[in-house]
């Protein structure tokens, strides 16, 4: 049992660290989007890959837990399943954002001045990305909250 407890603690710690790092990266995008986006043409694909690594941590923790956690257990499978579900949703969102960004990228640093249609597309795609940012941050905060609850359970 000690080994499983150690696996859970380590997976939770790494999950929390990953989410906090992810939150910093995404906060940079929110505060200064153009330089962040121009710096990497695969920005959202990289975020999706980071989510997949965090999903693996959730799966590791789930594998260490019994198939059915007792009602009195302070660490529950549902906590890791919820975090994993949020991360899986973020992977899908990031893949869609990457498609939007692929259209936007040539318009951020154009070779020639943009016509009104291109300017409209640029504005629409920036707006799409900007409106999804608060939900991503909210999702990250939810996962952090789950991790904090689990960490507190280990302290008792």
N, C-alpha and C. Protein backbone atom coordinates (compact mmCIF):
# COMPACT_ATOMS: atom_id res chain seq x y z
N UNK A 1 0.82 -1.19 0.00
CA UNK A 1 0.00 0.00 0.00
C UNK A 1 0.87 1.26 0.00
N UNK A 2 1.99 1.18 0.67
CA UNK A 2 2.91 2.32 0.74
C UNK A 2 3.36 2.75 -0.66
N UNK A 3 3.66 1.77 -1.51
CA UNK A 3 4.12 2.10 -2.85
C UNK A 3 3.04 2.83 -3.64
N UNK A 4 1.79 2.38 -3.51
CA UNK A 4 0.70 3.04 -4.23
C UNK A 4 0.48 4.45 -3.72
N UNK A 5 0.62 4.63 -2.43
CA UNK A 5 0.49 5.96 -1.85
C UNK A 5 1.58 6.88 -2.40
N UNK A 6 2.78 6.36 -2.50
CA UNK A 6 3.90 7.14 -3.04
C UNK A 6 3.64 7.50 -4.50
N UNK A 7 3.12 6.55 -5.27
CA UNK A 7 2.79 6.80 -6.69
C UNK A 7 1.74 7.91 -6.79
N UNK A 8 0.72 7.82 -5.95
CA UNK A 8 -0.34 8.84 -5.97
C UNK A 8 0.20 10.22 -5.61
N UNK A 9 1.01 10.28 -4.57
CA UNK A 9 1.58 11.57 -4.15
C UNK A 9 2.44 12.16 -5.26
N UNK A 10 3.28 11.33 -5.85
CA UNK A 10 4.18 11.82 -6.90
C UNK A 10 3.41 12.25 -8.15
N UNK A 11 2.43 11.45 -8.55
CA UNK A 11 1.63 11.80 -9.73
C UNK A 11 0.87 13.10 -9.49
N UNK A 12 0.33 13.26 -8.29
CA UNK A 12 -0.41 14.48 -7.96
C UNK A 12 0.51 15.69 -7.94
N UNK A 13 1.69 15.51 -7.34
CA UNK A 13 2.66 16.60 -7.29
C UNK A 13 3.07 17.03 -8.70
N UNK A 14 3.37 16.06 -9.55
CA UNK A 14 3.77 16.38 -10.93
C UNK A 14 2.61 16.98 -11.71
N UNK A 15 1.41 16.49 -11.48
CA UNK A 15 0.23 17.05 -12.15
C UNK A 15 0.05 18.52 -11.76
N UNK A 16 0.16 18.80 -10.48
CA UNK A 16 0.03 20.18 -10.00
C UNK A 16 1.12 21.06 -10.59
N UNK A 17 2.36 20.59 -10.57
CA UNK A 17 3.46 21.37 -11.15
C UNK A 17 3.23 21.62 -12.64
N UNK A 18 2.76 20.60 -13.34
CA UNK A 18 2.49 20.74 -14.77
C UNK A 18 1.40 21.75 -15.05
N UNK A 19 0.34 21.71 -14.24
CA UNK A 19 -0.77 22.65 -14.42
C UNK A 19 -0.33 24.07 -14.11
N UNK A 20 0.47 24.24 -13.04
CA UNK A 20 0.95 25.59 -12.70
C UNK A 20 1.86 26.13 -13.79
N UNK A 21 2.72 25.30 -14.35
CA UNK A 21 3.58 25.72 -15.45
C UNK A 21 2.73 26.08 -16.67
N UNK A 22 1.75 25.25 -16.95
CA UNK A 22 0.84 25.46 -18.07
C UNK A 22 0.11 26.78 -17.88
N UNK A 23 -0.32 27.05 -16.67
CA UNK A 23 -1.04 28.28 -16.35
C UNK A 23 -0.17 29.51 -16.63
N UNK A 24 1.11 29.44 -16.27
CA UNK A 24 2.04 30.56 -16.53
C UNK A 24 2.19 30.78 -18.03
N UNK A 25 2.38 29.69 -18.76
CA UNK A 25 2.54 29.79 -20.21
C UNK A 25 1.30 30.43 -20.83
N UNK A 26 0.14 29.98 -20.40
CA UNK A 26 -1.08 30.49 -21.00
C UNK A 26 -1.37 31.91 -20.56
N UNK A 27 -0.99 32.27 -19.35
CA UNK A 27 -1.16 33.64 -18.88
C UNK A 27 -0.32 34.60 -19.72
N UNK A 28 0.87 34.15 -20.13
CA UNK A 28 1.70 34.96 -21.02
C UNK A 28 0.98 35.22 -22.34
N UNK A 29 0.29 34.21 -22.83
CA UNK A 29 -0.45 34.37 -24.08
C UNK A 29 -1.56 35.40 -23.89
N UNK A 30 -2.27 35.32 -22.78
CA UNK A 30 -3.38 36.24 -22.54
C UNK A 30 -2.88 37.67 -22.42
N UNK A 31 -1.75 37.86 -21.72
CA UNK A 31 -1.26 39.22 -21.49
C UNK A 31 -0.54 39.82 -22.70
N UNK A 32 0.02 38.98 -23.56
CA UNK A 32 0.78 39.48 -24.69
C UNK A 32 0.66 38.51 -25.87
N UNK A 33 -0.52 38.44 -26.50
CA UNK A 33 -0.77 37.37 -27.47
C UNK A 33 0.09 37.36 -28.73
N UNK A 34 0.27 38.50 -29.36
CA UNK A 34 0.96 38.50 -30.65
C UNK A 34 2.40 37.98 -30.53
N UNK A 35 3.23 38.51 -29.64
CA UNK A 35 4.59 37.97 -29.54
C UNK A 35 4.63 36.49 -29.17
N UNK A 36 3.72 36.06 -28.29
CA UNK A 36 3.68 34.65 -27.90
C UNK A 36 3.33 33.77 -29.10
N UNK A 37 2.35 34.19 -29.86
CA UNK A 37 1.91 33.39 -31.01
C UNK A 37 2.95 33.40 -32.13
N UNK A 38 3.55 34.55 -32.37
CA UNK A 38 4.54 34.65 -33.45
C UNK A 38 5.78 33.81 -33.12
N UNK A 39 6.07 33.66 -31.83
CA UNK A 39 7.27 32.91 -31.41
C UNK A 39 7.18 31.43 -31.77
N UNK A 40 5.98 30.91 -31.91
CA UNK A 40 5.86 29.48 -32.22
C UNK A 40 4.65 29.18 -33.06
N UNK A 41 4.86 28.70 -34.27
CA UNK A 41 3.73 28.45 -35.16
C UNK A 41 2.94 27.21 -34.74
N UNK A 42 3.49 26.38 -33.87
CA UNK A 42 2.77 25.21 -33.36
C UNK A 42 2.35 25.41 -31.91
N UNK A 43 2.09 26.64 -31.54
CA UNK A 43 1.81 27.00 -30.15
C UNK A 43 0.75 26.09 -29.51
N UNK A 44 -0.38 25.95 -30.16
CA UNK A 44 -1.48 25.18 -29.56
C UNK A 44 -1.26 23.68 -29.66
N UNK A 45 -0.57 23.23 -30.70
CA UNK A 45 -0.22 21.80 -30.76
C UNK A 45 0.69 21.42 -29.60
N UNK A 46 1.62 22.30 -29.26
CA UNK A 46 2.50 22.05 -28.12
C UNK A 46 1.71 22.01 -26.82
N UNK A 47 0.71 22.88 -26.69
CA UNK A 47 -0.12 22.87 -25.48
C UNK A 47 -0.92 21.56 -25.40
N UNK A 48 -1.41 21.09 -26.55
CA UNK A 48 -2.14 19.82 -26.57
C UNK A 48 -1.23 18.67 -26.14
N UNK A 49 0.01 18.69 -26.59
CA UNK A 49 0.95 17.64 -26.20
C UNK A 49 1.25 17.70 -24.70
N UNK A 50 1.34 18.91 -24.16
CA UNK A 50 1.55 19.06 -22.71
C UNK A 50 0.36 18.49 -21.94
N UNK A 51 -0.84 18.72 -22.45
CA UNK A 51 -2.04 18.16 -21.81
C UNK A 51 -1.97 16.62 -21.82
N UNK A 52 -1.51 16.06 -22.91
CA UNK A 52 -1.41 14.60 -23.01
C UNK A 52 -0.46 14.04 -21.96
N UNK A 53 0.61 14.76 -21.67
CA UNK A 53 1.54 14.32 -20.62
C UNK A 53 0.85 14.36 -19.25
N UNK A 54 0.03 15.37 -19.03
CA UNK A 54 -0.70 15.47 -17.77
C UNK A 54 -1.78 14.38 -17.68
N UNK A 55 -2.36 14.01 -18.80
CA UNK A 55 -3.33 12.92 -18.84
C UNK A 55 -2.67 11.61 -18.41
N UNK A 56 -1.43 11.42 -18.84
CA UNK A 56 -0.69 10.21 -18.44
C UNK A 56 -0.53 10.17 -16.92
N UNK A 57 -0.27 11.32 -16.31
CA UNK A 57 -0.17 11.36 -14.84
C UNK A 57 -1.49 10.98 -14.18
N UNK A 58 -2.59 11.44 -14.73
CA UNK A 58 -3.91 11.05 -14.21
C UNK A 58 -4.10 9.54 -14.33
N UNK A 59 -3.72 8.98 -15.48
CA UNK A 59 -3.85 7.54 -15.68
C UNK A 59 -2.96 6.76 -14.73
N UNK A 60 -1.77 7.29 -14.45
CA UNK A 60 -0.86 6.65 -13.49
C UNK A 60 -1.50 6.60 -12.11
N UNK A 61 -2.09 7.71 -11.71
CA UNK A 61 -2.76 7.76 -10.40
C UNK A 61 -3.96 6.82 -10.37
N UNK A 62 -4.73 6.80 -11.44
CA UNK A 62 -5.89 5.90 -11.50
C UNK A 62 -5.47 4.44 -11.40
N UNK A 63 -4.35 4.10 -12.02
CA UNK A 63 -3.86 2.72 -11.97
C UNK A 63 -3.43 2.33 -10.55
N UNK A 64 -3.02 3.31 -9.76
CA UNK A 64 -2.57 3.04 -8.38
C UNK A 64 -3.75 2.93 -7.41
N UNK A 65 -4.89 3.47 -7.79
CA UNK A 65 -6.06 3.43 -6.91
C UNK A 65 -6.83 2.13 -7.12
N UNK A 66 -7.56 1.68 -6.09
CA UNK A 66 -8.43 0.51 -6.29
C UNK A 66 -9.51 0.83 -7.32
N UNK A 67 -10.05 -0.20 -7.94
CA UNK A 67 -11.08 0.02 -8.98
C UNK A 67 -12.30 0.75 -8.43
N UNK A 68 -12.60 0.50 -7.16
CA UNK A 68 -13.69 1.21 -6.50
C UNK A 68 -13.12 1.78 -5.21
N UNK A 69 -13.11 3.10 -5.10
CA UNK A 69 -12.60 3.70 -3.87
C UNK A 69 -13.72 3.69 -2.83
N UNK A 70 -13.39 3.33 -1.61
CA UNK A 70 -14.41 3.31 -0.55
C UNK A 70 -14.99 4.71 -0.33
N UNK A 71 -16.24 4.78 0.10
CA UNK A 71 -16.87 6.09 0.33
C UNK A 71 -16.11 6.95 1.34
N UNK A 72 -15.39 6.33 2.25
CA UNK A 72 -14.66 7.08 3.27
C UNK A 72 -13.30 7.56 2.78
N UNK A 73 -12.88 7.13 1.61
CA UNK A 73 -11.57 7.51 1.08
C UNK A 73 -11.53 9.00 0.76
N UNK A 74 -10.45 9.65 1.17
CA UNK A 74 -10.30 11.08 0.89
C UNK A 74 -9.72 11.32 -0.50
N UNK A 75 -9.06 10.32 -1.05
CA UNK A 75 -8.55 10.39 -2.42
C UNK A 75 -9.41 9.44 -3.24
N UNK A 76 -10.07 10.00 -4.25
CA UNK A 76 -11.05 9.22 -5.00
C UNK A 76 -10.69 9.17 -6.48
N UNK A 77 -11.11 8.11 -7.11
CA UNK A 77 -10.89 7.96 -8.55
C UNK A 77 -11.54 9.11 -9.32
N UNK A 78 -12.70 9.54 -8.85
CA UNK A 78 -13.44 10.58 -9.56
C UNK A 78 -12.62 11.87 -9.68
N UNK A 79 -11.77 12.14 -8.70
CA UNK A 79 -10.95 13.35 -8.76
C UNK A 79 -9.99 13.30 -9.96
N UNK A 80 -9.33 12.18 -10.12
CA UNK A 80 -8.40 12.02 -11.25
C UNK A 80 -9.15 11.89 -12.57
N UNK A 81 -10.31 11.24 -12.54
CA UNK A 81 -11.11 11.13 -13.78
C UNK A 81 -11.58 12.52 -14.21
N UNK A 82 -11.99 13.35 -13.25
CA UNK A 82 -12.43 14.72 -13.59
C UNK A 82 -11.28 15.52 -14.18
N UNK A 83 -10.11 15.45 -13.56
CA UNK A 83 -8.94 16.17 -14.09
C UNK A 83 -8.62 15.67 -15.50
N UNK A 84 -8.64 14.35 -15.68
CA UNK A 84 -8.34 13.78 -17.00
C UNK A 84 -9.35 14.23 -18.04
N UNK A 85 -10.62 14.26 -17.67
CA UNK A 85 -11.67 14.69 -18.59
C UNK A 85 -11.47 16.14 -19.03
N UNK A 86 -11.13 17.00 -18.08
CA UNK A 86 -10.87 18.41 -18.40
C UNK A 86 -9.68 18.50 -19.36
N UNK A 87 -8.63 17.75 -19.07
CA UNK A 87 -7.44 17.78 -19.93
C UNK A 87 -7.75 17.26 -21.33
N UNK A 88 -8.56 16.21 -21.42
CA UNK A 88 -8.94 15.69 -22.73
C UNK A 88 -9.74 16.72 -23.52
N UNK A 89 -10.59 17.45 -22.83
CA UNK A 89 -11.35 18.52 -23.47
C UNK A 89 -10.41 19.63 -23.97
N UNK A 90 -9.38 19.93 -23.17
CA UNK A 90 -8.40 20.94 -23.57
C UNK A 90 -7.62 20.50 -24.81
N UNK A 91 -7.31 19.22 -24.91
CA UNK A 91 -6.61 18.72 -26.11
C UNK A 91 -7.45 19.02 -27.34
N UNK A 92 -8.74 18.72 -27.27
CA UNK A 92 -9.64 18.99 -28.40
C UNK A 92 -9.70 20.49 -28.70
N UNK A 93 -9.82 21.30 -27.66
CA UNK A 93 -9.87 22.75 -27.85
C UNK A 93 -8.58 23.27 -28.49
N UNK A 94 -7.44 22.78 -28.01
CA UNK A 94 -6.16 23.24 -28.55
C UNK A 94 -5.98 22.82 -30.00
N UNK A 95 -6.47 21.65 -30.36
CA UNK A 95 -6.38 21.24 -31.77
C UNK A 95 -7.20 22.17 -32.65
N UNK A 96 -8.39 22.57 -32.18
CA UNK A 96 -9.21 23.52 -32.94
C UNK A 96 -8.55 24.90 -32.98
N UNK A 97 -8.00 25.32 -31.86
CA UNK A 97 -7.31 26.61 -31.83
C UNK A 97 -6.10 26.62 -32.78
N UNK A 98 -5.43 25.48 -32.90
CA UNK A 98 -4.31 25.41 -33.84
C UNK A 98 -4.79 25.60 -35.27
N UNK A 99 -5.94 25.01 -35.60
CA UNK A 99 -6.50 25.21 -36.95
C UNK A 99 -6.81 26.69 -37.18
N UNK A 100 -7.39 27.34 -36.17
CA UNK A 100 -7.66 28.78 -36.27
C UNK A 100 -6.35 29.56 -36.41
N UNK A 101 -5.36 29.16 -35.64
CA UNK A 101 -4.08 29.85 -35.67
C UNK A 101 -3.37 29.67 -37.01
N UNK A 102 -3.52 28.50 -37.63
CA UNK A 102 -2.90 28.27 -38.93
C UNK A 102 -3.42 29.25 -39.97
N UNK A 103 -4.69 29.64 -39.84
CA UNK A 103 -5.26 30.65 -40.74
C UNK A 103 -4.75 32.04 -40.34
N UNK A 104 -4.62 32.26 -39.04
CA UNK A 104 -4.23 33.57 -38.52
C UNK A 104 -2.75 33.89 -38.75
N UNK A 105 -1.90 32.90 -38.61
CA UNK A 105 -0.44 33.13 -38.60
C UNK A 105 0.07 33.97 -39.77
N UNK A 106 -0.27 33.65 -41.02
CA UNK A 106 0.25 34.49 -42.12
C UNK A 106 -0.30 35.92 -42.09
N UNK A 107 -1.40 36.11 -41.36
CA UNK A 107 -1.99 37.45 -41.29
C UNK A 107 -1.37 38.30 -40.18
N UNK A 108 -0.69 37.65 -39.23
CA UNK A 108 -0.05 38.40 -38.15
C UNK A 108 1.17 39.14 -38.67
N UNK A 109 1.95 38.44 -39.46
CA UNK A 109 3.17 39.04 -40.03
C UNK A 109 3.05 38.94 -41.56
N UNK A 110 2.20 39.76 -42.14
CA UNK A 110 1.95 39.65 -43.58
C UNK A 110 3.14 40.16 -44.41
N UNK A 111 3.24 39.59 -45.61
CA UNK A 111 4.29 40.04 -46.53
C UNK A 111 3.92 41.36 -47.17
N UNK A 112 2.63 41.65 -47.21
CA UNK A 112 2.15 42.92 -47.77
C UNK A 112 0.95 43.37 -46.95
N UNK A 113 0.55 44.61 -47.07
CA UNK A 113 -0.60 45.11 -46.28
C UNK A 113 -1.84 44.24 -46.51
N UNK A 114 -2.62 44.08 -45.46
CA UNK A 114 -3.83 43.25 -45.54
C UNK A 114 -4.97 44.04 -46.16
N UNK A 115 -5.76 43.35 -47.01
CA UNK A 115 -6.97 44.00 -47.49
C UNK A 115 -8.05 43.86 -46.42
N UNK A 116 -9.20 44.43 -46.64
CA UNK A 116 -10.24 44.46 -45.60
C UNK A 116 -10.74 43.06 -45.25
N UNK A 117 -10.83 42.16 -46.23
CA UNK A 117 -11.28 40.79 -45.96
C UNK A 117 -10.26 40.07 -45.07
N UNK A 118 -8.98 40.23 -45.41
CA UNK A 118 -7.94 39.59 -44.60
C UNK A 118 -7.91 40.18 -43.19
N UNK A 119 -8.10 41.49 -43.09
CA UNK A 119 -8.13 42.13 -41.78
C UNK A 119 -9.30 41.60 -40.96
N UNK A 120 -10.43 41.37 -41.62
CA UNK A 120 -11.60 40.80 -40.95
C UNK A 120 -11.34 39.39 -40.44
N UNK A 121 -10.68 38.57 -41.26
CA UNK A 121 -10.33 37.20 -40.85
C UNK A 121 -9.36 37.25 -39.68
N UNK A 122 -8.38 38.12 -39.76
CA UNK A 122 -7.40 38.26 -38.68
C UNK A 122 -8.10 38.63 -37.37
N UNK A 123 -8.98 39.59 -37.42
CA UNK A 123 -9.70 40.03 -36.23
C UNK A 123 -10.57 38.90 -35.68
N UNK A 124 -11.27 38.20 -36.57
CA UNK A 124 -12.16 37.11 -36.14
C UNK A 124 -11.37 35.98 -35.47
N UNK A 125 -10.23 35.62 -36.04
CA UNK A 125 -9.43 34.53 -35.47
C UNK A 125 -8.80 34.94 -34.15
N UNK A 126 -8.32 36.18 -34.05
CA UNK A 126 -7.79 36.67 -32.78
C UNK A 126 -8.88 36.67 -31.71
N UNK A 127 -10.08 37.07 -32.10
CA UNK A 127 -11.21 37.09 -31.17
C UNK A 127 -11.56 35.67 -30.72
N UNK A 128 -11.56 34.72 -31.65
CA UNK A 128 -11.83 33.32 -31.30
C UNK A 128 -10.84 32.82 -30.26
N UNK A 129 -9.57 33.09 -30.50
CA UNK A 129 -8.52 32.65 -29.56
C UNK A 129 -8.69 33.36 -28.22
N UNK A 130 -8.93 34.66 -28.27
CA UNK A 130 -9.04 35.44 -27.04
C UNK A 130 -10.26 35.03 -26.20
N UNK A 131 -11.35 34.66 -26.84
CA UNK A 131 -12.55 34.29 -26.08
C UNK A 131 -12.43 32.90 -25.46
N UNK A 132 -11.57 32.06 -26.01
CA UNK A 132 -11.39 30.72 -25.43
C UNK A 132 -10.39 30.73 -24.27
N UNK A 133 -9.56 31.75 -24.19
CA UNK A 133 -8.53 31.80 -23.15
C UNK A 133 -9.10 31.75 -21.73
N UNK A 134 -10.15 32.51 -21.40
CA UNK A 134 -10.66 32.44 -20.02
C UNK A 134 -11.15 31.04 -19.62
N UNK A 135 -11.74 30.30 -20.56
CA UNK A 135 -12.20 28.94 -20.25
C UNK A 135 -11.01 28.03 -19.99
N UNK A 136 -9.95 28.19 -20.75
CA UNK A 136 -8.75 27.38 -20.52
C UNK A 136 -8.20 27.65 -19.12
N UNK A 137 -8.11 28.92 -18.77
CA UNK A 137 -7.59 29.27 -17.44
C UNK A 137 -8.52 28.73 -16.36
N UNK A 138 -9.83 28.83 -16.56
CA UNK A 138 -10.79 28.29 -15.59
C UNK A 138 -10.58 26.78 -15.43
N UNK A 139 -10.38 26.08 -16.54
CA UNK A 139 -10.15 24.63 -16.48
C UNK A 139 -8.87 24.31 -15.72
N UNK A 140 -7.84 25.09 -15.93
CA UNK A 140 -6.58 24.87 -15.21
C UNK A 140 -6.76 25.11 -13.72
N UNK A 141 -7.54 26.12 -13.36
CA UNK A 141 -7.80 26.40 -11.95
C UNK A 141 -8.59 25.24 -11.32
N UNK A 142 -9.53 24.67 -12.07
CA UNK A 142 -10.28 23.52 -11.55
C UNK A 142 -9.35 22.34 -11.27
N UNK A 143 -8.44 22.07 -12.19
CA UNK A 143 -7.50 20.96 -11.98
C UNK A 143 -6.60 21.25 -10.79
N UNK A 144 -6.14 22.49 -10.67
CA UNK A 144 -5.33 22.87 -9.51
C UNK A 144 -6.09 22.63 -8.22
N UNK A 145 -7.35 22.99 -8.21
CA UNK A 145 -8.18 22.78 -7.03
C UNK A 145 -8.28 21.31 -6.67
N UNK A 146 -8.46 20.47 -7.67
CA UNK A 146 -8.51 19.02 -7.44
C UNK A 146 -7.20 18.55 -6.83
N UNK A 147 -6.09 19.01 -7.38
CA UNK A 147 -4.77 18.61 -6.87
C UNK A 147 -4.56 19.08 -5.43
N UNK A 148 -4.98 20.29 -5.11
CA UNK A 148 -4.84 20.81 -3.74
C UNK A 148 -5.66 19.96 -2.76
N UNK A 149 -6.86 19.58 -3.15
CA UNK A 149 -7.70 18.75 -2.29
C UNK A 149 -7.01 17.40 -2.04
N UNK A 150 -6.47 16.81 -3.09
CA UNK A 150 -5.79 15.52 -2.94
C UNK A 150 -4.56 15.67 -2.05
N UNK A 151 -3.77 16.72 -2.28
CA UNK A 151 -2.58 16.94 -1.45
C UNK A 151 -2.95 17.11 0.02
N UNK A 152 -4.03 17.82 0.29
CA UNK A 152 -4.48 18.00 1.68
C UNK A 152 -4.86 16.66 2.30
N UNK A 153 -5.46 15.79 1.51
CA UNK A 153 -5.85 14.47 2.01
C UNK A 153 -4.61 13.67 2.43
N UNK A 154 -3.50 13.85 1.74
CA UNK A 154 -2.27 13.14 2.09
C UNK A 154 -1.64 13.69 3.35
N UNK A 155 -1.90 14.94 3.68
CA UNK A 155 -1.30 15.56 4.87
C UNK A 155 -1.93 15.05 6.16
N UNK A 156 -3.13 14.55 6.09
CA UNK A 156 -3.85 14.10 7.29
C UNK A 156 -3.29 12.80 7.81
